[in-house]
Every structure is written in C-alpha cells, then in structure tokens.
Amino acid sequence: MIHRIIFLCLLTFALSACGGKQKQEAEPEKKELAFTLPEVPVMLQSAEDRLAFVIQHYWDHFDFKDTAYIHAPEVTEQALVNYVDLLQRVPMEFSDSCLTKTLTNAGVEEKMFNYFAETLRRYLFDPNSPIRDEELYEPVGRFLATSPLADEATQSRARHDLKLIGMNRVGALATDFVYTLPSGAQKRMHDLRSPYTLLLFYNPDCHGCAETLAAMKSSPVLNRPDLMKQIKILAFYPDEDKEVWDKHRDEIPSSWINCYDKDLTVLTKELYDLKAMPTLYLLDKDKKVLLKDVPVGAVEKYFENK
C-alpha cells in the first residue's frame, strides 16, 4: 500500500536521445540525474512501519554534494514535494526530527542547503502554495533561525516567519481588535456573542478576495439556516484607503458585520498574519482559534462534520 502511495505521488519522466552520426571520439556521457527511493525491508509488514522507514531513509541515495540536482526540478523539487506529502501523514514529532535531519544533511554543501531551505519555505509557508502547512514549516524555521549554516538574512527571515506562525495559532485565544462600522460606531471583536465567529480579512480590490466573497455568499453550508443562527461573519478591511471600502460596501451581505480599521491598528501592530488577502479565521464562542488562514472549503468541511 505504501509503495503504491509513493509511486502514485512521484512523477515519471521519459528521456529520449536523438540519433546522429557517431563521432570518432565519443563525448563524455552526461550524468543522468534521478531520485531513488529506499528499499523497504520485507520484514516490515504494517503500513505505518513501512511509511516510517521510507521517510527516515528517504534521502539515503541522494548526493547532497552534487549541485547539479539544484537545476533539475523534475527530480529534486519533485522529490521534495513528495517528501512533504509523506511527512503530512505522520505524527508531528516524527516529521520535525526528519526535517531537521534533512536540513543538516543538506548542510554539507552551501548551495544545496540554501536550495532546500528556500524550496521548503516556498511550499510550506508561501500563502499561494497548494500544500502550505505552517505547522510542518515551523521546525524548518526553528532550524534556520539558529543554524550557523544559514546566513544572517535567512536567520532574520526565519525568526519573522516563526513570529507569524506563533500568532493566533489554532487553540490560542485570538487577538482582540477594535472595528469601525459604517455608522462610525466602534466595537471590540471579543464582545461578539456567538457560538462561532468567522473573521474575513479582505481588500475589495483584491481578485482573490472577490472570489472568496462569491464562494462564501453562494456556499450552501455557510448559508444553512441553522448555521446562520450560530455564526457571526465579520468582514474586516484592514487597509488605509477607506474610499475603496466605501465604494464596495454594498457587496457585503447585510447579515454580515461589515467594518474597517479606522486606526490601522491590526496592520501597524501586526496583530494578525495578513501576508496575503483574503485571510479567514474561524473562532469558537470563547474566541479561541479553530481554523487559521484557511480557504472557504476548509470552513465548509468543518461545519459539514457538525
């Protein structure tokens, strides 16, 4: 089963060579780069044990000193993506130690280390990544923030990444803030009384925000009559151009709380991780974070199971 999962995840590439007149002196053959998976011992029978073995020995046949792999994304980048996919299937303590070991091994060659650090950050921390996973990126950030293998700029960026990861994480009390209504009245987010609060940080001029708004307004789950009685949706504009917000005010449903940040506190004090718009947070009745920075589909899935 594990072999099937892994090989379905890996991409295969066909290599073809053009025939031609043979030269008198043969040119040196170009090294064919490939990624080789570890062979799982037959005595490991359970899916869990076989998966753990593959992850622990995933990079055994990879030459971290060979920088040619950096320029072969179909091999190295694909291997990293598949590695991340496998890590998301195991307990966090195990994935943490494996990521640390991988970065340490990559440290034998500076360029390879930087490549692994950048690629892992791009896939695990970039808001546009389809496999973004802050919890999985956290041990990478911790390693980069303190490792002598990382330069000062990388360490500084990693420390800032860790700060964002630590803000309003799942299970923590969401940071309170003041919001301003169209009437000019100001209220505190923590004063909302509802079993659930859905925070939507958005910009009306943002294409992604428009798509998210459309998805929320047409969602059969979020517009379910029973759920609408249990959830308050706070559409919060954190930027400074109030004219833009005024222009698009009518696009927000009247059943939602439409508001903006008069004093720009959320951005200037960096109360929330808003590196990309839109950003959705789902809170419980005590304003603890249930879902952090997720797409609409994740919110729907949460309530489908309720």
Protein backbone atom coordinates (compact mmCIF):
# COMPACT_ATOMS: atom_id res chain seq x y z
CA MET A 1 0.00 0.00 0.00
CA ILE A 2 2.79 2.40 0.92
CA HIS A 3 4.67 1.59 -2.27
CA ARG A 4 1.53 2.36 -4.24
CA ILE A 5 1.00 5.71 -2.49
CA ILE A 6 4.60 6.75 -3.04
CA PHE A 7 4.83 5.76 -6.68
CA LEU A 8 1.49 7.37 -7.50
CA CYS A 9 2.80 10.55 -5.91
CA LEU A 10 6.08 10.53 -7.87
CA LEU A 11 6.18 11.89 -11.42
CA THR A 12 7.79 9.86 -14.17
CA PHE A 13 9.68 11.44 -16.97
CA ALA A 14 10.63 9.88 -20.34
CA LEU A 15 14.11 10.68 -21.56
CA SER A 16 14.81 10.43 -25.26
CA ALA A 17 18.04 10.79 -27.20
CA CYS A 18 18.43 11.91 -30.79
CA GLY A 19 20.42 9.64 -33.02
CA GLY A 20 23.23 11.03 -35.11
CA LYS A 21 26.46 10.24 -36.82
CA GLN A 22 28.88 8.70 -34.37
CA LYS A 23 31.89 10.84 -33.73
CA GLN A 24 35.37 9.41 -33.83
CA GLU A 25 35.92 10.48 -30.23
CA ALA A 26 32.93 9.80 -28.02
CA GLU A 27 31.87 12.72 -25.86
CA PRO A 28 31.72 12.02 -22.14
CA GLU A 29 28.27 10.86 -21.17
CA LYS A 30 26.18 13.36 -19.32
CA LYS A 31 25.24 12.08 -15.90
CA GLU A 32 21.59 11.14 -15.72
CA LEU A 33 20.06 12.58 -12.58
CA ALA A 34 17.42 10.54 -10.83
CA PHE A 35 15.94 10.11 -7.40
CA THR A 36 15.97 6.65 -5.87
CA LEU A 37 13.63 5.64 -3.10
CA PRO A 38 14.86 3.42 -0.26
CA GLU A 39 14.03 -0.26 -0.47
CA VAL A 40 11.71 -1.23 2.36
CA PRO A 41 12.76 -4.37 4.27
CA VAL A 42 10.33 -7.24 3.73
CA MET A 43 10.06 -7.84 7.47
CA LEU A 44 8.21 -4.53 7.86
CA GLN A 45 4.61 -5.51 7.29
CA SER A 46 2.41 -2.74 8.70
CA ALA A 47 1.67 0.34 6.59
CA GLU A 48 2.80 2.59 9.44
CA ASP A 49 6.18 0.89 9.82
CA ARG A 50 6.81 0.89 6.08
CA LEU A 51 5.90 4.57 5.79
CA ALA A 52 8.15 5.45 8.73
CA PHE A 53 11.05 3.58 7.15
CA VAL A 54 10.63 5.33 3.81
CA ILE A 55 10.58 8.75 5.47
CA GLN A 56 13.59 8.02 7.69
CA HIS A 57 15.66 6.76 4.77
CA TYR A 58 14.12 8.92 2.04
CA TRP A 59 17.35 10.76 1.17
CA ASP A 60 19.78 7.84 1.65
CA HIS A 61 20.62 7.62 -2.08
CA PHE A 62 20.67 11.36 -2.72
CA ASP A 63 24.01 13.11 -3.21
CA PHE A 64 23.69 16.39 -1.32
CA LYS A 65 27.11 17.49 -2.60
CA ASP A 66 26.07 17.33 -6.25
CA THR A 67 24.76 20.82 -7.07
CA ALA A 68 23.58 19.65 -10.49
CA TYR A 69 20.44 18.44 -8.71
CA ILE A 70 19.55 22.05 -7.96
CA HIS A 71 18.99 22.62 -11.68
CA ALA A 72 16.82 19.53 -12.12
CA PRO A 73 13.46 20.48 -10.58
CA GLU A 74 11.79 17.46 -12.18
CA VAL A 75 13.98 15.36 -9.91
CA THR A 76 14.88 17.31 -6.78
CA GLU A 77 11.91 19.64 -6.40
CA GLN A 78 9.50 16.81 -7.17
CA ALA A 79 11.27 14.64 -4.59
CA LEU A 80 10.88 17.41 -2.01
CA VAL A 81 7.17 17.82 -2.77
CA ASN A 82 6.64 14.07 -2.42
CA TYR A 83 8.63 14.12 0.83
CA VAL A 84 6.34 16.83 2.22
CA ASP A 85 3.31 14.78 1.22
CA LEU A 86 4.64 11.82 3.21
CA LEU A 87 5.53 13.97 6.23
CA GLN A 88 1.95 15.20 6.42
CA ARG A 89 0.87 11.61 7.12
CA VAL A 90 2.91 11.04 10.28
CA PRO A 91 2.95 12.49 13.84
CA MET A 92 4.45 15.95 14.19
CA GLU A 93 7.30 14.87 16.49
CA PHE A 94 8.49 12.41 13.87
CA SER A 95 8.23 14.82 10.95
CA ASP A 96 10.07 17.50 12.98
CA SER A 97 13.09 15.28 13.58
CA CYS A 98 13.16 14.13 9.95
CA LEU A 99 13.11 17.68 8.59
CA THR A 100 15.92 18.71 10.94
CA LYS A 101 17.99 15.71 9.84
CA THR A 102 17.36 16.52 6.16
CA LEU A 103 18.49 20.13 6.53
CA THR A 104 21.57 19.02 8.45
CA ASN A 105 22.48 16.61 5.64
CA ALA A 106 21.92 19.34 3.05
CA GLY A 107 24.38 21.49 5.00
CA VAL A 108 27.35 19.63 3.53
CA GLU A 109 27.03 21.95 0.51
CA GLU A 110 26.07 25.61 0.95
CA LYS A 111 24.17 25.92 -2.34
CA MET A 112 22.24 22.72 -1.69
CA PHE A 113 21.39 23.86 1.83
CA ASN A 114 20.05 27.18 0.54
CA TYR A 115 18.07 25.35 -2.17
CA PHE A 116 16.41 23.03 0.36
CA ALA A 117 15.68 25.92 2.74
CA GLU A 118 14.12 28.07 0.00
CA THR A 119 12.11 25.25 -1.55
CA LEU A 120 10.70 24.03 1.76
CA ARG A 121 9.73 27.59 2.67
CA ARG A 122 8.08 28.16 -0.70
CA TYR A 123 5.94 25.04 -0.46
CA LEU A 124 5.19 25.07 3.27
CA PHE A 125 4.93 28.78 4.09
CA ASP A 126 4.03 30.69 0.93
CA PRO A 127 0.32 31.66 1.10
CA ASN A 128 -0.13 30.67 -2.56
CA SER A 129 1.23 27.15 -2.13
CA PRO A 130 -1.40 24.40 -2.54
CA ILE A 131 0.34 22.31 0.15
CA ARG A 132 1.06 25.14 2.60
CA ASP A 133 1.47 23.81 6.14
CA GLU A 134 2.72 26.21 8.81
CA GLU A 135 2.95 23.51 11.48
CA LEU A 136 5.22 21.45 9.24
CA TYR A 137 7.28 24.51 8.34
CA GLU A 138 7.82 25.51 11.98
CA PRO A 139 10.74 23.09 12.66
CA VAL A 140 12.33 24.31 9.41
CA GLY A 141 12.01 27.89 10.64
CA ARG A 142 13.45 26.99 14.05
CA PHE A 143 16.42 25.29 12.40
CA LEU A 144 17.11 28.20 10.04
CA ALA A 145 16.74 30.81 12.79
CA THR A 146 19.62 29.40 14.82
CA SER A 147 21.73 27.30 12.48
CA PRO A 148 25.26 28.52 11.66
CA LEU A 149 24.62 27.04 8.21
CA ALA A 150 22.16 29.87 7.49
CA ASP A 151 23.33 33.39 6.72
CA GLU A 152 22.14 36.40 8.72
CA ALA A 153 19.38 37.31 6.26
CA THR A 154 17.99 33.78 6.29
CA GLN A 155 18.08 33.66 10.08
CA SER A 156 16.30 37.01 10.35
CA ARG A 157 13.58 35.99 7.91
CA ALA A 158 13.10 32.68 9.71
CA ARG A 159 12.65 34.47 13.04
CA HIS A 160 9.98 36.67 11.48
CA ASP A 161 8.30 33.60 9.98
CA LEU A 162 8.22 31.99 13.43
CA LYS A 163 6.64 35.12 14.87
CA LEU A 164 3.83 34.91 12.31
CA ILE A 165 3.35 31.19 12.93
CA GLY A 166 3.05 31.83 16.65
CA MET A 167 0.38 34.49 16.23
CA ASN A 168 -3.23 33.38 16.65
CA ARG A 169 -2.40 29.74 16.10
CA VAL A 170 -5.04 27.02 16.41
CA GLY A 171 -6.08 26.58 20.04
CA ALA A 172 -4.89 30.03 21.13
CA LEU A 173 -7.05 32.98 22.08
CA ALA A 174 -7.46 35.19 19.02
CA THR A 175 -6.05 38.69 19.43
CA ASP A 176 -8.76 41.26 20.12
CA PHE A 177 -9.11 44.39 17.99
CA VAL A 178 -11.42 47.36 17.51
CA TYR A 179 -13.52 47.56 14.36
CA THR A 180 -15.45 50.53 12.99
CA LEU A 181 -18.93 50.19 11.49
CA PRO A 182 -20.27 52.26 8.57
CA SER A 183 -22.08 54.43 11.13
CA GLY A 184 -18.75 55.30 12.75
CA ALA A 185 -19.52 53.30 15.89
CA GLN A 186 -16.60 51.28 17.21
CA LYS A 187 -16.75 47.87 18.87
CA ARG A 188 -14.40 45.14 20.02
CA MET A 189 -14.24 41.78 18.32
CA HIS A 190 -14.15 39.94 21.64
CA ASP A 191 -17.52 41.44 22.57
CA LEU A 192 -19.27 39.47 19.84
CA ARG A 193 -21.54 36.86 21.38
CA SER A 194 -21.97 33.83 19.17
CA PRO A 195 -21.06 30.11 19.18
CA TYR A 196 -18.79 30.85 16.20
CA THR A 197 -17.12 33.91 14.70
CA LEU A 198 -15.72 33.86 11.18
CA LEU A 199 -13.17 36.61 10.57
CA LEU A 200 -12.69 37.63 6.95
CA PHE A 201 -9.75 39.99 6.43
CA TYR A 202 -10.15 41.29 2.90
CA ASN A 203 -9.50 44.04 0.37
CA PRO A 204 -12.37 44.89 -2.01
CA ASP A 205 -9.93 45.46 -4.90
CA CYS A 206 -8.32 42.05 -4.47
CA HIS A 207 -9.25 39.45 -7.12
CA GLY A 208 -8.79 36.58 -4.70
CA CYS A 209 -10.98 38.40 -2.18
CA ALA A 210 -13.75 38.76 -4.76
CA GLU A 211 -13.58 35.03 -5.45
CA THR A 212 -13.71 34.22 -1.74
CA LEU A 213 -16.65 36.56 -1.19
CA ALA A 214 -18.53 34.94 -4.06
CA ALA A 215 -17.80 31.47 -2.69
CA MET A 216 -18.98 32.44 0.79
CA LYS A 217 -22.16 34.10 -0.45
CA SER A 218 -23.09 31.09 -2.56
CA SER A 219 -21.98 28.43 -0.09
CA PRO A 220 -24.84 26.05 0.79
CA VAL A 221 -23.06 25.26 4.04
CA LEU A 222 -22.38 28.78 5.30
CA ASN A 223 -25.88 29.86 4.32
CA ARG A 224 -27.57 26.93 6.02
CA PRO A 225 -30.39 28.40 8.19
CA ASP A 226 -29.33 26.53 11.33
CA LEU A 227 -25.69 27.60 10.96
CA MET A 228 -26.54 31.23 10.24
CA LYS A 229 -28.05 31.38 13.74
CA GLN A 230 -24.78 30.16 15.27
CA ILE A 231 -22.16 32.14 13.39
CA LYS A 232 -21.27 35.81 13.03
CA ILE A 233 -19.25 36.73 9.97
CA LEU A 234 -17.04 39.78 10.43
CA ALA A 235 -15.80 41.22 7.12
CA PHE A 236 -12.88 43.40 8.17
CA TYR A 237 -10.99 45.78 5.87
CA PRO A 238 -7.56 46.47 7.46
CA ASP A 239 -6.05 48.86 4.87
CA GLU A 240 -5.98 52.64 4.70
CA ASP A 241 -7.97 53.52 1.57
CA LYS A 242 -11.43 53.96 3.10
CA GLU A 243 -12.82 55.24 -0.19
CA VAL A 244 -12.24 51.83 -1.73
CA TRP A 245 -14.05 50.20 1.17
CA ASP A 246 -16.97 52.67 0.89
CA LYS A 247 -17.23 52.03 -2.84
CA HIS A 248 -17.69 48.28 -2.33
CA ARG A 249 -19.70 48.35 0.89
CA ASP A 250 -22.86 47.02 -0.73
CA GLU A 251 -21.07 43.85 -1.83
CA ILE A 252 -21.08 42.57 1.74
CA PRO A 253 -24.32 40.78 2.75
CA SER A 254 -26.45 42.69 5.25
CA SER A 255 -26.39 39.71 7.62
CA TRP A 256 -22.62 40.06 8.00
CA ILE A 257 -20.78 42.66 10.07
CA ASN A 258 -19.14 44.99 7.55
CA CYS A 259 -16.35 47.05 9.12
CA TYR A 260 -12.89 48.58 8.73
CA ASP A 261 -9.85 49.51 10.79
CA LYS A 262 -10.07 53.26 11.40
CA ASP A 263 -6.71 53.47 13.19
CA LEU A 264 -4.94 50.79 11.12
CA THR A 265 -4.06 49.02 14.34
CA VAL A 266 -4.13 45.47 13.01
CA LEU A 267 -1.56 46.22 10.32
CA THR A 268 0.71 48.63 12.17
CA LYS A 269 0.90 46.44 15.27
CA GLU A 270 0.93 43.26 13.18
CA LEU A 271 -1.82 41.67 15.26
CA TYR A 272 -2.60 39.06 12.61
CA ASP A 273 -0.63 37.34 9.88
CA LEU A 274 -2.00 39.10 6.80
CA LYS A 275 0.78 38.47 4.30
CA ALA A 276 -1.89 37.63 1.75
CA MET A 277 -5.51 38.57 1.21
CA PRO A 278 -8.08 37.25 1.85
CA THR A 279 -7.45 35.58 5.21
CA LEU A 280 -10.06 33.54 7.09
CA TYR A 281 -10.05 32.64 10.77
CA LEU A 282 -12.75 30.59 12.48
CA LEU A 283 -13.17 31.18 16.22
CA ASP A 284 -15.24 29.39 18.85
CA LYS A 285 -17.54 31.03 21.42
CA ASP A 286 -14.57 31.92 23.63
CA LYS A 287 -12.70 33.44 20.66
CA LYS A 288 -10.18 30.63 20.52
CA VAL A 289 -8.88 29.82 17.06
CA LEU A 290 -10.39 26.74 15.43
CA LEU A 291 -9.06 27.34 11.92
CA LYS A 292 -6.24 29.68 10.93
CA ASP A 293 -5.79 31.24 7.49
CA VAL A 294 -7.80 28.65 5.58
CA PRO A 295 -9.78 28.62 2.31
CA VAL A 296 -13.57 28.66 2.27
CA GLY A 297 -13.61 24.93 1.58
CA ALA A 298 -11.91 24.19 4.90
CA VAL A 299 -14.57 26.18 6.77
CA GLU A 300 -17.32 24.33 4.91
CA LYS A 301 -15.71 20.99 5.69
CA TYR A 302 -15.52 21.90 9.39
CA PHE A 303 -19.24 22.58 9.58
CA GLU A 304 -20.22 19.67 7.35
CA ASN A 305 -18.95 17.42 10.14
CA LYS A 306 -21.00 19.22 12.78
